[in-house]
Amino acid sequence: MLLKLRRPIRLLWGYLAACALMGFVLACVAAYTLPGSGVPELVALSIEMTKAAMVVSILPSLIVIPIMEWRGVRRWLGYAIYGAVLSAVASILISGAMEKPQTLNLITIAVCFAFLGAACATVYWLIAGRHPILSETE
């Protein structure tokens, strides 16, 4: 029975690690822009940003990850494209809530978030995506 739980647990760990990386990078950027920020604020901000990344990405990931698992996608590129698109679209939607966003700012934000999303997807792929589905005998 425990062997059947290995794959879902690996998928969960990969998702949590990817969200934690996203939260930590966003917290570092936020702490860099705030004067007088220290390590305690960075830890608290990382936790909050990780939660935000999880909330934003949970629904698309609940749809796309099972499809990728079902299709047997094991290549890094598939996960990187998904992470980049998800992150860029989410950043544009969130930035669109601001008053009168500038086009150049939206493009810059989308490109930066696409690279960050690809990096987070790489973390997920390293933990969960590149491994084949475990057989019943393992």
C-alpha atoms as a PDB file:
ATOM      1  CA  MET A   1       0.000   0.000   0.000  1.00  0.00           C
ATOM      2  CA  LEU A   2       2.777   2.437   0.834  1.00  0.00           C
ATOM      3  CA  LEU A   3       4.343   1.858  -2.551  1.00  0.00           C
ATOM      4  CA  LYS A   4       1.187   3.177  -4.213  1.00  0.00           C
ATOM      5  CA  LEU A   5       1.555   6.418  -2.249  1.00  0.00           C
ATOM      6  CA  ARG A   6       5.105   7.098  -3.397  1.00  0.00           C
ATOM      7  CA  ARG A   7       4.086   8.755  -6.659  1.00  0.00           C
ATOM      8  CA  PRO A   8       1.410  11.103  -5.210  1.00  0.00           C
ATOM      9  CA  ILE A   9       3.768  12.065  -2.396  1.00  0.00           C
ATOM     10  CA  ARG A  10       6.537  12.802  -4.904  1.00  0.00           C
ATOM     11  CA  LEU A  11       4.121  14.947  -6.929  1.00  0.00           C
ATOM     12  CA  LEU A  12       3.085  16.828  -3.793  1.00  0.00           C
ATOM     13  CA  TRP A  13       6.698  17.431  -2.728  1.00  0.00           C
ATOM     14  CA  GLY A  14       7.548  18.692  -6.193  1.00  0.00           C
ATOM     15  CA  TYR A  15       4.607  21.092  -6.145  1.00  0.00           C
ATOM     16  CA  LEU A  16       5.463  22.367  -2.655  1.00  0.00           C
ATOM     17  CA  ALA A  17       9.128  22.853  -3.575  1.00  0.00           C
ATOM     18  CA  ALA A  18       8.227  24.769  -6.733  1.00  0.00           C
ATOM     19  CA  CYS A  19       5.841  27.024  -4.801  1.00  0.00           C
ATOM     20  CA  ALA A  20       8.444  27.532  -2.062  1.00  0.00           C
ATOM     21  CA  LEU A  21      11.011  28.648  -4.631  1.00  0.00           C
ATOM     22  CA  MET A  22       8.495  31.053  -6.154  1.00  0.00           C
ATOM     23  CA  GLY A  23       7.616  32.426  -2.721  1.00  0.00           C
ATOM     24  CA  PHE A  24      11.248  32.827  -1.681  1.00  0.00           C
ATOM     25  CA  VAL A  25      12.237  34.686  -4.859  1.00  0.00           C
ATOM     26  CA  LEU A  26       9.205  36.971  -4.630  1.00  0.00           C
ATOM     27  CA  ALA A  27       9.972  37.618  -0.956  1.00  0.00           C
ATOM     28  CA  CYS A  28      13.602  38.459  -1.779  1.00  0.00           C
ATOM     29  CA  VAL A  29      12.476  40.932  -4.427  1.00  0.00           C
ATOM     30  CA  ALA A  30       9.941  42.481  -2.046  1.00  0.00           C
ATOM     31  CA  ALA A  31      12.465  42.647   0.797  1.00  0.00           C
ATOM     32  CA  TYR A  32      15.014  44.250  -1.525  1.00  0.00           C
ATOM     33  CA  THR A  33      12.583  47.017  -2.402  1.00  0.00           C
ATOM     34  CA  LEU A  34      11.608  47.629   1.240  1.00  0.00           C
ATOM     35  CA  PRO A  35      14.256  49.548   3.189  1.00  0.00           C
ATOM     36  CA  GLY A  36      15.260  48.154   6.559  1.00  0.00           C
ATOM     37  CA  SER A  37      14.009  44.607   5.947  1.00  0.00           C
ATOM     38  CA  GLY A  38      15.778  41.863   7.819  1.00  0.00           C
ATOM     39  CA  VAL A  39      15.858  38.092   8.007  1.00  0.00           C
ATOM     40  CA  PRO A  40      12.728  37.690  10.192  1.00  0.00           C
ATOM     41  CA  GLU A  41      10.708  39.720   7.707  1.00  0.00           C
ATOM     42  CA  LEU A  42      12.156  37.695   4.839  1.00  0.00           C
ATOM     43  CA  VAL A  43      11.116  34.405   6.445  1.00  0.00           C
ATOM     44  CA  ALA A  44       7.589  35.623   7.168  1.00  0.00           C
ATOM     45  CA  LEU A  45       7.302  37.163   3.723  1.00  0.00           C
ATOM     46  CA  SER A  46       8.568  33.938   2.104  1.00  0.00           C
ATOM     47  CA  ILE A  47       5.879  31.946   3.870  1.00  0.00           C
ATOM     48  CA  GLU A  48       3.160  34.364   2.789  1.00  0.00           C
ATOM     49  CA  MET A  49       4.402  34.503  -0.803  1.00  0.00           C
ATOM     50  CA  THR A  50       4.574  30.699  -0.906  1.00  0.00           C
ATOM     51  CA  LYS A  51       0.958  30.546   0.203  1.00  0.00           C
ATOM     52  CA  ALA A  52       0.027  33.062  -2.494  1.00  0.00           C
ATOM     53  CA  ALA A  53       1.868  31.034  -5.148  1.00  0.00           C
ATOM     54  CA  MET A  54       0.030  27.907  -4.029  1.00  0.00           C
ATOM     55  CA  VAL A  55      -3.366  29.622  -4.175  1.00  0.00           C
ATOM     56  CA  VAL A  56      -2.728  31.072  -7.627  1.00  0.00           C
ATOM     57  CA  SER A  57      -1.360  27.872  -9.166  1.00  0.00           C
ATOM     58  CA  ILE A  58      -3.464  25.147  -7.555  1.00  0.00           C
ATOM     59  CA  LEU A  59      -6.378  25.017 -10.016  1.00  0.00           C
ATOM     60  CA  PRO A  60      -4.326  25.065 -13.236  1.00  0.00           C
ATOM     61  CA  SER A  61      -1.921  22.527 -11.745  1.00  0.00           C
ATOM     62  CA  LEU A  62      -4.761  20.212 -10.737  1.00  0.00           C
ATOM     63  CA  ILE A  63      -5.747  20.149 -14.393  1.00  0.00           C
ATOM     64  CA  VAL A  64      -2.398  20.176 -16.209  1.00  0.00           C
ATOM     65  CA  ILE A  65      -0.257  17.903 -13.999  1.00  0.00           C
ATOM     66  CA  PRO A  66      -2.635  14.901 -14.177  1.00  0.00           C
ATOM     67  CA  ILE A  67      -2.844  15.357 -17.957  1.00  0.00           C
ATOM     68  CA  MET A  68       0.944  15.419 -18.211  1.00  0.00           C
ATOM     69  CA  GLU A  69       1.160  12.346 -15.987  1.00  0.00           C
ATOM     70  CA  TRP A  70      -1.475  10.540 -18.042  1.00  0.00           C
ATOM     71  CA  ARG A  71       0.319  11.424 -21.293  1.00  0.00           C
ATOM     72  CA  GLY A  72       3.653  10.326 -19.809  1.00  0.00           C
ATOM     73  CA  VAL A  73       5.426  13.650 -20.317  1.00  0.00           C
ATOM     74  CA  ARG A  74       8.922  13.295 -18.857  1.00  0.00           C
ATOM     75  CA  ARG A  75      10.823  15.953 -20.776  1.00  0.00           C
ATOM     76  CA  TRP A  76      11.910  19.125 -19.037  1.00  0.00           C
ATOM     77  CA  LEU A  77      10.638  21.372 -21.823  1.00  0.00           C
ATOM     78  CA  GLY A  78       6.981  20.470 -21.282  1.00  0.00           C
ATOM     79  CA  TYR A  79       7.137  21.380 -17.619  1.00  0.00           C
ATOM     80  CA  ALA A  80       9.168  24.539 -18.274  1.00  0.00           C
ATOM     81  CA  ILE A  81       6.662  25.779 -20.846  1.00  0.00           C
ATOM     82  CA  TYR A  82       3.756  25.094 -18.499  1.00  0.00           C
ATOM     83  CA  GLY A  83       5.483  26.903 -15.615  1.00  0.00           C
ATOM     84  CA  ALA A  84       6.432  29.877 -17.782  1.00  0.00           C
ATOM     85  CA  VAL A  85       2.946  30.263 -19.264  1.00  0.00           C
ATOM     86  CA  LEU A  86       1.193  29.845 -15.913  1.00  0.00           C
ATOM     87  CA  SER A  87       3.467  32.344 -14.204  1.00  0.00           C
ATOM     88  CA  ALA A  88       3.320  34.915 -17.008  1.00  0.00           C
ATOM     89  CA  VAL A  89      -0.480  34.737 -17.303  1.00  0.00           C
ATOM     90  CA  ALA A  90      -0.934  34.954 -13.537  1.00  0.00           C
ATOM     91  CA  SER A  91       1.382  37.964 -13.330  1.00  0.00           C
ATOM     92  CA  ILE A  92      -0.498  39.756 -16.107  1.00  0.00           C
ATOM     93  CA  LEU A  93      -3.867  39.042 -14.487  1.00  0.00           C
ATOM     94  CA  ILE A  94      -2.638  40.219 -11.097  1.00  0.00           C
ATOM     95  CA  SER A  95      -0.910  43.291 -12.573  1.00  0.00           C
ATOM     96  CA  GLY A  96      -4.040  44.078 -14.585  1.00  0.00           C
ATOM     97  CA  ALA A  97      -5.774  44.810 -11.304  1.00  0.00           C
ATOM     98  CA  MET A  98      -3.509  47.824 -10.850  1.00  0.00           C
ATOM     99  CA  GLU A  99      -4.674  51.213 -12.023  1.00  0.00           C
ATOM    100  CA  LYS A 100      -3.561  52.047 -15.570  1.00  0.00           C
ATOM    101  CA  PRO A 101      -0.739  49.525 -15.977  1.00  0.00           C
ATOM    102  CA  GLN A 102       1.893  50.547 -18.528  1.00  0.00           C
ATOM    103  CA  THR A 103       2.361  48.161 -21.454  1.00  0.00           C
ATOM    104  CA  LEU A 104       6.143  48.045 -21.073  1.00  0.00           C
ATOM    105  CA  ASN A 105       5.785  47.261 -17.375  1.00  0.00           C
ATOM    106  CA  LEU A 106       3.360  44.419 -18.110  1.00  0.00           C
ATOM    107  CA  ILE A 107       5.710  42.958 -20.726  1.00  0.00           C
ATOM    108  CA  THR A 108       8.675  43.201 -18.343  1.00  0.00           C
ATOM    109  CA  ILE A 109       6.695  41.609 -15.528  1.00  0.00           C
ATOM    110  CA  ALA A 110       5.431  38.818 -17.804  1.00  0.00           C
ATOM    111  CA  VAL A 111       8.920  38.009 -19.103  1.00  0.00           C
ATOM    112  CA  CYS A 112      10.470  38.031 -15.625  1.00  0.00           C
ATOM    113  CA  PHE A 113       7.702  35.847 -14.257  1.00  0.00           C
ATOM    114  CA  ALA A 114       7.999  33.495 -17.237  1.00  0.00           C
ATOM    115  CA  PHE A 115      11.661  32.886 -16.387  1.00  0.00           C
ATOM    116  CA  LEU A 116      10.799  32.442 -12.713  1.00  0.00           C
ATOM    117  CA  GLY A 117       7.967  30.063 -13.630  1.00  0.00           C
ATOM    118  CA  ALA A 118      10.320  28.015 -15.795  1.00  0.00           C
ATOM    119  CA  ALA A 119      12.803  27.823 -12.908  1.00  0.00           C
ATOM    120  CA  CYS A 120      10.078  26.680 -10.515  1.00  0.00           C
ATOM    121  CA  ALA A 121       8.845  24.137 -13.062  1.00  0.00           C
ATOM    122  CA  THR A 122      12.413  22.860 -13.307  1.00  0.00           C
ATOM    123  CA  VAL A 123      12.417  22.249  -9.551  1.00  0.00           C
ATOM    124  CA  TYR A 124       9.135  20.366  -9.895  1.00  0.00           C
ATOM    125  CA  TRP A 125      10.510  18.363 -12.815  1.00  0.00           C
ATOM    126  CA  LEU A 126      13.672  17.444 -10.889  1.00  0.00           C
ATOM    127  CA  ILE A 127      11.621  16.130  -7.975  1.00  0.00           C
ATOM    128  CA  ALA A 128       8.559  14.618  -9.629  1.00  0.00           C
ATOM    129  CA  GLY A 129       8.272  15.117 -13.361  1.00  0.00           C
ATOM    130  CA  ARG A 130      11.257  13.268 -14.759  1.00  0.00           C
ATOM    131  CA  HIS A 131      10.583   9.993 -12.950  1.00  0.00           C
ATOM    132  CA  PRO A 132       8.453   7.377 -14.669  1.00  0.00           C
ATOM    133  CA  ILE A 133       5.359   6.046 -12.977  1.00  0.00           C
ATOM    134  CA  LEU A 134       6.294   3.342 -10.521  1.00  0.00           C
ATOM    135  CA  SER A 135       5.356  -0.171 -11.475  1.00  0.00           C
ATOM    136  CA  GLU A 136       3.348  -2.454  -9.239  1.00  0.00           C
ATOM    137  CA  THR A 137       6.398  -4.622  -8.503  1.00  0.00           C
ATOM    138  CA  GLU A 138       8.566  -1.755  -7.219  1.00  0.00           C
END
